[in-house]
Amino acid sequence: NASASFDQFQEPVDKDASVPEKFVDIGKALV
């Protein structure tokens, strides 16, 4: 109210969502 600022970031629908399978192999390669 005072500063007329706002939070432009959305809340996550799911902040611990399942990891899509295509990224599992990428993660293993990164490790």
Full PDB file with SEQRES, HELIX, SHEET, SSBOND, CRYST1, ORIGX, SCALE, CONECT and MASTER records, all heavy atoms in Angstrom:
SEQRES   1 A   31  ASN ALA SER ALA SER PHE ASP GLN PHE GLN GLU PRO VAL          
SEQRES   2 A   31  ASP LYS ASP ALA SER VAL PRO GLU LYS PHE VAL ASP ILE          
SEQRES   3 A   31  GLY LYS ALA LEU VAL                                          
HELIX    1 AA1 GLU A   21  LEU A   30  1                                  10    
CRYST1    1.000    1.000    1.000  90.00  90.00  90.00 P 1           1          
ORIGX1      1.000000  0.000000  0.000000        0.00000                         
ORIGX2      0.000000  1.000000  0.000000        0.00000                         
ORIGX3      0.000000  0.000000  1.000000        0.00000                         
SCALE1      1.000000  0.000000  0.000000        0.00000                         
SCALE2      0.000000  1.000000  0.000000        0.00000                         
SCALE3      0.000000  0.000000  1.000000        0.00000                         
ATOM      1  N   ASN A   1       0.814  -1.206   0.000  1.00  0.00           N  
ATOM      2  CA  ASN A   1       0.000   0.000   0.000  1.00  0.00           C  
ATOM      3  C   ASN A   1       0.853   1.265   0.000  1.00  0.00           C  
ATOM      4  O   ASN A   1       0.640   2.136  -0.796  1.00  0.00           O  
ATOM      5  CB  ASN A   1      -0.975   0.000   1.174  1.00  0.00           C  
ATOM      6  CG  ASN A   1      -0.280  -0.240   2.488  1.00  0.00           C  
ATOM      7  OD1 ASN A   1       0.949  -0.240   2.557  1.00  0.00           O  
ATOM      8  ND2 ASN A   1      -1.062  -0.453   3.539  1.00  0.00           N  
ATOM      9  N   ALA A   2       1.814   1.399   0.872  1.00  0.00           N  
ATOM     10  CA  ALA A   2       2.572   2.643   0.986  1.00  0.00           C  
ATOM     11  C   ALA A   2       3.516   2.850  -0.188  1.00  0.00           C  
ATOM     12  O   ALA A   2       3.634   3.948  -0.719  1.00  0.00           O  
ATOM     13  CB  ALA A   2       3.351   2.668   2.291  1.00  0.00           C  
ATOM     14  N   SER A   3       4.196   1.804  -0.590  1.00  0.00           N  
ATOM     15  CA  SER A   3       5.205   1.975  -1.637  1.00  0.00           C  
ATOM     16  C   SER A   3       4.665   1.669  -3.026  1.00  0.00           C  
ATOM     17  O   SER A   3       5.362   1.811  -4.015  1.00  0.00           O  
ATOM     18  CB  SER A   3       6.407   1.080  -1.352  1.00  0.00           C  
ATOM     19  OG  SER A   3       6.014  -0.288  -1.414  1.00  0.00           O  
ATOM     20  N   ALA A   4       3.416   1.216  -3.087  1.00  0.00           N  
ATOM     21  CA  ALA A   4       2.789   0.859  -4.370  1.00  0.00           C  
ATOM     22  C   ALA A   4       3.599  -0.188  -5.114  1.00  0.00           C  
ATOM     23  O   ALA A   4       3.604  -0.256  -6.324  1.00  0.00           O  
ATOM     24  CB  ALA A   4       2.566   2.099  -5.242  1.00  0.00           C  
ATOM     25  N   SER A   5       4.307  -1.016  -4.348  1.00  0.00           N  
ATOM     26  CA  SER A   5       5.055  -2.110  -4.969  1.00  0.00           C  
ATOM     27  C   SER A   5       4.197  -3.358  -4.962  1.00  0.00           C  
ATOM     28  O   SER A   5       3.202  -3.444  -4.253  1.00  0.00           O  
ATOM     29  CB  SER A   5       6.358  -2.355  -4.213  1.00  0.00           C  
ATOM     30  OG  SER A   5       6.084  -2.767  -2.904  1.00  0.00           O  
ATOM     31  N   PHE A   6       4.576  -4.319  -5.766  1.00  0.00           N  
ATOM     32  CA  PHE A   6       3.817  -5.558  -5.794  1.00  0.00           C  
ATOM     33  C   PHE A   6       4.766  -6.722  -6.005  1.00  0.00           C  
ATOM     34  O   PHE A   6       5.870  -6.574  -6.502  1.00  0.00           O  
ATOM     35  CB  PHE A   6       2.741  -5.522  -6.868  1.00  0.00           C  
ATOM     36  CG  PHE A   6       3.287  -5.354  -8.254  1.00  0.00           C  
ATOM     37  CD1 PHE A   6       3.530  -6.452  -9.051  1.00  0.00           C  
ATOM     38  CD2 PHE A   6       3.552  -4.087  -8.760  1.00  0.00           C  
ATOM     39  CE1 PHE A   6       4.042  -6.290 -10.326  1.00  0.00           C  
ATOM     40  CE2 PHE A   6       4.058  -3.919 -10.039  1.00  0.00           C  
ATOM     41  CZ  PHE A   6       4.308  -5.037 -10.824  1.00  0.00           C  
ATOM     42  N   ASP A   7       4.290  -7.909  -5.619  1.00  0.00           N  
ATOM     43  CA  ASP A   7       5.043  -9.139  -5.792  1.00  0.00           C  
ATOM     44  C   ASP A   7       4.626  -9.736  -7.126  1.00  0.00           C  
ATOM     45  O   ASP A   7       3.509 -10.222  -7.275  1.00  0.00           O  
ATOM     46  CB  ASP A   7       4.738 -10.098  -4.638  1.00  0.00           C  
ATOM     47  CG  ASP A   7       5.547 -11.371  -4.703  1.00  0.00           C  
ATOM     48  OD1 ASP A   7       6.288 -11.566  -5.686  1.00  0.00           O  
ATOM     49  OD2 ASP A   7       5.435 -12.175  -3.766  1.00  0.00           O  
ATOM     50  N   GLN A   8       5.507  -9.683  -8.104  1.00  0.00           N  
ATOM     51  CA  GLN A   8       5.155 -10.118  -9.447  1.00  0.00           C  
ATOM     52  C   GLN A   8       5.341 -11.616  -9.665  1.00  0.00           C  
ATOM     53  O   GLN A   8       5.015 -12.133 -10.719  1.00  0.00           O  
ATOM     54  CB  GLN A   8       6.009  -9.370 -10.469  1.00  0.00           C  
ATOM     55  CG  GLN A   8       7.484  -9.703 -10.363  1.00  0.00           C  
ATOM     56  CD  GLN A   8       8.335  -8.788 -11.202  1.00  0.00           C  
ATOM     57  OE1 GLN A   8       7.906  -7.717 -11.576  1.00  0.00           O  
ATOM     58  NE2 GLN A   8       9.528  -9.203 -11.499  1.00  0.00           N  
ATOM     59  N   PHE A   9       5.854 -12.326  -8.667  1.00  0.00           N  
ATOM     60  CA  PHE A   9       6.172 -13.726  -8.844  1.00  0.00           C  
ATOM     61  C   PHE A   9       5.006 -14.607  -8.420  1.00  0.00           C  
ATOM     62  O   PHE A   9       4.407 -14.407  -7.376  1.00  0.00           O  
ATOM     63  CB  PHE A   9       7.428 -14.091  -8.063  1.00  0.00           C  
ATOM     64  CG  PHE A   9       8.606 -13.279  -8.512  1.00  0.00           C  
ATOM     65  CD1 PHE A   9       9.077 -12.234  -7.753  1.00  0.00           C  
ATOM     66  CD2 PHE A   9       9.208 -13.535  -9.729  1.00  0.00           C  
ATOM     67  CE1 PHE A   9      10.148 -11.470  -8.179  1.00  0.00           C  
ATOM     68  CE2 PHE A   9      10.269 -12.771 -10.171  1.00  0.00           C  
ATOM     69  CZ  PHE A   9      10.744 -11.748  -9.391  1.00  0.00           C  
ATOM     70  N   GLN A  10       4.729 -15.597  -9.228  1.00  0.00           N  
ATOM     71  CA  GLN A  10       3.641 -16.512  -8.948  1.00  0.00           C  
ATOM     72  C   GLN A  10       4.067 -17.548  -7.917  1.00  0.00           C  
ATOM     73  O   GLN A  10       5.219 -17.973  -7.895  1.00  0.00           O  
ATOM     74  CB  GLN A  10       3.227 -17.251 -10.212  1.00  0.00           C  
ATOM     75  CG  GLN A  10       2.638 -16.384 -11.271  1.00  0.00           C  
ATOM     76  CD  GLN A  10       2.288 -17.197 -12.495  1.00  0.00           C  
ATOM     77  OE1 GLN A  10       2.758 -18.311 -12.673  1.00  0.00           O  
ATOM     78  NE2 GLN A  10       1.451 -16.639 -13.342  1.00  0.00           N  
ATOM     79  N   GLU A  11       3.108 -17.973  -7.125  1.00  0.00           N  
ATOM     80  CA  GLU A  11       3.341 -19.101  -6.232  1.00  0.00           C  
ATOM     81  C   GLU A  11       3.401 -20.361  -7.089  1.00  0.00           C  
ATOM     82  O   GLU A  11       2.664 -20.489  -8.067  1.00  0.00           O  
ATOM     83  CB  GLU A  11       2.198 -19.228  -5.224  1.00  0.00           C  
ATOM     84  CG  GLU A  11       2.212 -18.147  -4.170  1.00  0.00           C  
ATOM     85  CD  GLU A  11       3.427 -18.248  -3.260  1.00  0.00           C  
ATOM     86  OE1 GLU A  11       3.770 -19.355  -2.832  1.00  0.00           O  
ATOM     87  OE2 GLU A  11       4.029 -17.202  -2.996  1.00  0.00           O  
ATOM     88  N   PRO A  12       4.262 -21.320  -6.739  1.00  0.00           N  
ATOM     89  CA  PRO A  12       4.306 -22.555  -7.520  1.00  0.00           C  
ATOM     90  C   PRO A  12       3.005 -23.342  -7.369  1.00  0.00           C  
ATOM     91  O   PRO A  12       2.402 -23.347  -6.305  1.00  0.00           O  
ATOM     92  CB  PRO A  12       5.470 -23.336  -6.919  1.00  0.00           C  
ATOM     93  CG  PRO A  12       5.987 -22.553  -5.785  1.00  0.00           C  
ATOM     94  CD  PRO A  12       5.241 -21.290  -5.671  1.00  0.00           C  
ATOM     95  N   VAL A  13       2.587 -23.996  -8.446  1.00  0.00           N  
ATOM     96  CA  VAL A  13       1.470 -24.921  -8.377  1.00  0.00           C  
ATOM     97  C   VAL A  13       1.908 -26.109  -7.533  1.00  0.00           C  
ATOM     98  O   VAL A  13       1.182 -26.602  -6.697  1.00  0.00           O  
ATOM     99  CB  VAL A  13       1.063 -25.390  -9.793  1.00  0.00           C  
ATOM    100  CG1 VAL A  13       0.047 -26.520  -9.713  1.00  0.00           C  
ATOM    101  CG2 VAL A  13       0.509 -24.229 -10.591  1.00  0.00           C  
ATOM    102  N   ASP A  14       3.132 -26.551  -7.755  1.00  0.00           N  
ATOM    103  CA  ASP A  14       3.699 -27.676  -7.012  1.00  0.00           C  
ATOM    104  C   ASP A  14       5.193 -27.430  -6.896  1.00  0.00           C  
ATOM    105  O   ASP A  14       5.917 -27.525  -7.873  1.00  0.00           O  
ATOM    106  CB  ASP A  14       3.415 -28.985  -7.742  1.00  0.00           C  
ATOM    107  CG  ASP A  14       3.828 -30.215  -6.951  1.00  0.00           C  
ATOM    108  OD1 ASP A  14       4.495 -30.061  -5.906  1.00  0.00           O  
ATOM    109  OD2 ASP A  14       3.480 -31.319  -7.384  1.00  0.00           O  
ATOM    110  N   LYS A  15       5.663 -27.079  -5.683  1.00  0.00           N  
ATOM    111  CA  LYS A  15       7.078 -26.769  -5.527  1.00  0.00           C  
ATOM    112  C   LYS A  15       7.935 -28.006  -5.333  1.00  0.00           C  
ATOM    113  O   LYS A  15       9.144 -27.907  -5.233  1.00  0.00           O  
ATOM    114  CB  LYS A  15       7.304 -25.760  -4.407  1.00  0.00           C  
ATOM    115  CG  LYS A  15       6.859 -26.181  -3.048  1.00  0.00           C  
ATOM    116  CD  LYS A  15       7.099 -25.058  -2.060  1.00  0.00           C  
ATOM    117  CE  LYS A  15       6.522 -25.399  -0.706  1.00  0.00           C  
ATOM    118  NZ  LYS A  15       6.691 -24.320   0.236  1.00  0.00           N  
ATOM    119  N   ASP A  16       7.318 -29.187  -5.289  1.00  0.00           N  
ATOM    120  CA  ASP A  16       8.067 -30.440  -5.263  1.00  0.00           C  
ATOM    121  C   ASP A  16       7.414 -31.397  -6.251  1.00  0.00           C  
ATOM    122  O   ASP A  16       7.017 -32.504  -5.900  1.00  0.00           O  
ATOM    123  CB  ASP A  16       8.105 -31.033  -3.850  1.00  0.00           C  
ATOM    124  CG  ASP A  16       9.126 -32.156  -3.715  1.00  0.00           C  
ATOM    125  OD1 ASP A  16      10.014 -32.241  -4.586  1.00  0.00           O  
ATOM    126  OD2 ASP A  16       9.028 -32.935  -2.764  1.00  0.00           O  
ATOM    127  N   ALA A  17       7.301 -30.936  -7.487  1.00  0.00           N  
ATOM    128  CA  ALA A  17       6.664 -31.719  -8.537  1.00  0.00           C  
ATOM    129  C   ALA A  17       7.562 -32.890  -8.935  1.00  0.00           C  
ATOM    130  O   ALA A  17       8.765 -32.886  -8.679  1.00  0.00           O  
ATOM    131  CB  ALA A  17       6.402 -30.828  -9.749  1.00  0.00           C  
ATOM    132  N   SER A  18       6.958 -33.862  -9.581  1.00  0.00           N  
ATOM    133  CA  SER A  18       7.763 -34.978 -10.074  1.00  0.00           C  
ATOM    134  C   SER A  18       8.649 -34.469 -11.210  1.00  0.00           C  
ATOM    135  O   SER A  18       8.274 -33.582 -11.970  1.00  0.00           O  
ATOM    136  CB  SER A  18       6.868 -36.117 -10.549  1.00  0.00           C  
ATOM    137  OG  SER A  18       6.034 -35.679 -11.594  1.00  0.00           O  
ATOM    138  N   VAL A  19       9.831 -35.025 -11.284  1.00  0.00           N  
ATOM    139  CA  VAL A  19      10.802 -34.614 -12.294  1.00  0.00           C  
ATOM    140  C   VAL A  19      10.505 -35.382 -13.578  1.00  0.00           C  
ATOM    141  O   VAL A  19      10.447 -36.607 -13.561  1.00  0.00           O  
ATOM    142  CB  VAL A  19      12.244 -34.902 -11.818  1.00  0.00           C  
ATOM    143  CG1 VAL A  19      13.249 -34.543 -12.892  1.00  0.00           C  
ATOM    144  CG2 VAL A  19      12.530 -34.153 -10.523  1.00  0.00           C  
ATOM    145  N   PRO A  20      10.288 -34.677 -14.686  1.00  0.00           N  
ATOM    146  CA  PRO A  20      10.062 -35.380 -15.954  1.00  0.00           C  
ATOM    147  C   PRO A  20      11.227 -36.319 -16.266  1.00  0.00           C  
ATOM    148  O   PRO A  20      12.401 -35.989 -16.055  1.00  0.00           O  
ATOM    149  CB  PRO A  20       9.976 -34.249 -16.984  1.00  0.00           C  
ATOM    150  CG  PRO A  20       9.535 -33.059 -16.187  1.00  0.00           C  
ATOM    151  CD  PRO A  20      10.194 -33.221 -14.845  1.00  0.00           C  
ATOM    152  N   GLU A  21      10.892 -37.492 -16.750  1.00  0.00           N  
ATOM    153  CA  GLU A  21      11.884 -38.551 -16.984  1.00  0.00           C  
ATOM    154  C   GLU A  21      13.046 -38.095 -17.865  1.00  0.00           C  
ATOM    155  O   GLU A  21      14.185 -38.484 -17.647  1.00  0.00           O  
ATOM    156  CB  GLU A  21      11.190 -39.764 -17.614  1.00  0.00           C  
ATOM    157  CG  GLU A  21      12.062 -40.993 -17.708  1.00  0.00           C  
ATOM    158  CD  GLU A  21      12.526 -41.513 -16.351  1.00  0.00           C  
ATOM    159  OE1 GLU A  21      11.755 -41.449 -15.386  1.00  0.00           O  
ATOM    160  OE2 GLU A  21      13.679 -41.981 -16.261  1.00  0.00           O  
ATOM    161  N   LYS A  22      12.763 -37.216 -18.825  1.00  0.00           N  
ATOM    162  CA  LYS A  22      13.833 -36.796 -19.733  1.00  0.00           C  
ATOM    163  C   LYS A  22      14.949 -36.037 -19.010  1.00  0.00           C  
ATOM    164  O   LYS A  22      16.060 -35.941 -19.518  1.00  0.00           O  
ATOM    165  CB  LYS A  22      13.274 -35.964 -20.888  1.00  0.00           C  
ATOM    166  CG  LYS A  22      12.683 -34.627 -20.495  1.00  0.00           C  
ATOM    167  CD  LYS A  22      12.103 -33.926 -21.707  1.00  0.00           C  
ATOM    168  CE  LYS A  22      11.471 -32.605 -21.354  1.00  0.00           C  
ATOM    169  NZ  LYS A  22      10.932 -31.935 -22.543  1.00  0.00           N  
ATOM    170  N   PHE A  23      14.663 -35.510 -17.806  1.00  0.00           N  
ATOM    171  CA  PHE A  23      15.684 -34.767 -17.077  1.00  0.00           C  
ATOM    172  C   PHE A  23      16.485 -35.638 -16.100  1.00  0.00           C  
ATOM    173  O   PHE A  23      17.509 -35.199 -15.599  1.00  0.00           O  
ATOM    174  CB  PHE A  23      15.056 -33.592 -16.334  1.00  0.00           C  
ATOM    175  CG  PHE A  23      14.403 -32.610 -17.259  1.00  0.00           C  
ATOM    176  CD1 PHE A  23      13.048 -32.369 -17.174  1.00  0.00           C  
ATOM    177  CD2 PHE A  23      15.140 -31.950 -18.233  1.00  0.00           C  
ATOM    178  CE1 PHE A  23      12.436 -31.474 -18.036  1.00  0.00           C  
ATOM    179  CE2 PHE A  23      14.541 -31.055 -19.099  1.00  0.00           C  
ATOM    180  CZ  PHE A  23      13.185 -30.813 -19.003  1.00  0.00           C  
ATOM    181  N   VAL A  24      16.014 -36.848 -15.843  1.00  0.00           N  
ATOM    182  CA  VAL A  24      16.723 -37.731 -14.912  1.00  0.00           C  
ATOM    183  C   VAL A  24      18.099 -38.104 -15.476  1.00  0.00           C  
ATOM    184  O   VAL A  24      19.107 -38.022 -14.770  1.00  0.00           O  
ATOM    185  CB  VAL A  24      15.885 -38.982 -14.578  1.00  0.00           C  
ATOM    186  CG1 VAL A  24      16.678 -39.962 -13.720  1.00  0.00           C  
ATOM    187  CG2 VAL A  24      14.591 -38.575 -13.871  1.00  0.00           C  
ATOM    188  N   ASP A  25      18.156 -38.502 -16.726  1.00  0.00           N  
ATOM    189  CA  ASP A  25      19.443 -38.855 -17.340  1.00  0.00           C  
ATOM    190  C   ASP A  25      20.374 -37.645 -17.409  1.00  0.00           C  
ATOM    191  O   ASP A  25      21.580 -37.774 -17.226  1.00  0.00           O  
ATOM    192  CB  ASP A  25      19.243 -39.448 -18.742  1.00  0.00           C  
ATOM    193  CG  ASP A  25      18.657 -40.856 -18.696  1.00  0.00           C  
ATOM    194  OD1 ASP A  25      18.819 -41.541 -17.656  1.00  0.00           O  
ATOM    195  OD2 ASP A  25      18.032 -41.268 -19.687  1.00  0.00           O  
ATOM    196  N   ILE A  26      19.808 -36.474 -17.666  1.00  0.00           N  
ATOM    197  CA  ILE A  26      20.615 -35.251 -17.692  1.00  0.00           C  
ATOM    198  C   ILE A  26      21.202 -35.003 -16.304  1.00  0.00           C  
ATOM    199  O   ILE A  26      22.389 -34.685 -16.161  1.00  0.00           O  
ATOM    200  CB  ILE A  26      19.784 -34.041 -18.164  1.00  0.00           C  
ATOM    201  CG1 ILE A  26      19.369 -34.219 -19.629  1.00  0.00           C  
ATOM    202  CG2 ILE A  26      20.551 -32.734 -17.974  1.00  0.00           C  
ATOM    203  CD1 ILE A  26      18.343 -33.209 -20.112  1.00  0.00           C  
ATOM    204  N   GLY A  27      20.396 -35.148 -15.269  1.00  0.00           N  
ATOM    205  CA  GLY A  27      20.872 -34.964 -13.903  1.00  0.00           C  
ATOM    206  C   GLY A  27      21.979 -35.938 -13.551  1.00  0.00           C  
ATOM    207  O   GLY A  27      22.989 -35.554 -12.944  1.00  0.00           O  
ATOM    208  N   LYS A  28      21.819 -37.189 -13.938  1.00  0.00           N  
ATOM    209  CA  LYS A  28      22.857 -38.203 -13.663  1.00  0.00           C  
ATOM    210  C   LYS A  28      24.158 -37.857 -14.396  1.00  0.00           C  
ATOM    211  O   LYS A  28      25.242 -38.006 -13.842  1.00  0.00           O  
ATOM    212  CB  LYS A  28      22.368 -39.591 -14.063  1.00  0.00           C  
ATOM    213  CG  LYS A  28      21.296 -40.122 -13.133  1.00  0.00           C  
ATOM    214  CD  LYS A  28      20.794 -41.478 -13.587  1.00  0.00           C  
ATOM    215  CE  LYS A  28      19.719 -42.001 -12.654  1.00  0.00           C  
ATOM    216  NZ  LYS A  28      19.176 -43.304 -13.096  1.00  0.00           N  
ATOM    217  N   ALA A  29      24.043 -37.386 -15.625  1.00  0.00           N  
ATOM    218  CA  ALA A  29      25.240 -36.995 -16.386  1.00  0.00           C  
ATOM    219  C   ALA A  29      25.921 -35.786 -15.737  1.00  0.00           C  
ATOM    220  O   ALA A  29      27.158 -35.720 -15.679  1.00  0.00           O  
ATOM    221  CB  ALA A  29      24.862 -36.685 -17.836  1.00  0.00           C  
ATOM    222  N   LEU A  30      25.134 -34.838 -15.223  1.00  0.00           N  
ATOM    223  CA  LEU A  30      25.709 -33.676 -14.540  1.00  0.00           C  
ATOM    224  C   LEU A  30      26.461 -34.095 -13.278  1.00  0.00           C  
ATOM    225  O   LEU A  30      27.530 -33.557 -12.978  1.00  0.00           O  
ATOM    226  CB  LEU A  30      24.623 -32.659 -14.207  1.00  0.00           C  
ATOM    227  CG  LEU A  30      24.058 -31.875 -15.385  1.00  0.00           C  
ATOM    228  CD1 LEU A  30      22.781 -31.155 -14.989  1.00  0.00           C  
ATOM    229  CD2 LEU A  30      25.095 -30.895 -15.921  1.00  0.00           C  
ATOM    230  N   VAL A  31      25.915 -35.057 -12.548  1.00  0.00           N  
ATOM    231  CA  VAL A  31      26.595 -35.548 -11.343  1.00  0.00           C  
ATOM    232  C   VAL A  31      27.894 -36.249 -11.723  1.00  0.00           C  
ATOM    233  O   VAL A  31      28.921 -36.061 -11.065  1.00  0.00           O  
ATOM    234  CB  VAL A  31      25.667 -36.462 -10.515  1.00  0.00           C  
ATOM    235  CG1 VAL A  31      26.440 -37.181  -9.417  1.00  0.00           C  
ATOM    236  CG2 VAL A  31      24.527 -35.640  -9.918  1.00  0.00           C  
TER     237      VAL A  31                                                      
MASTER        0    0    0    1    0    0    0    6  236    1    0    3          
END                                                                             
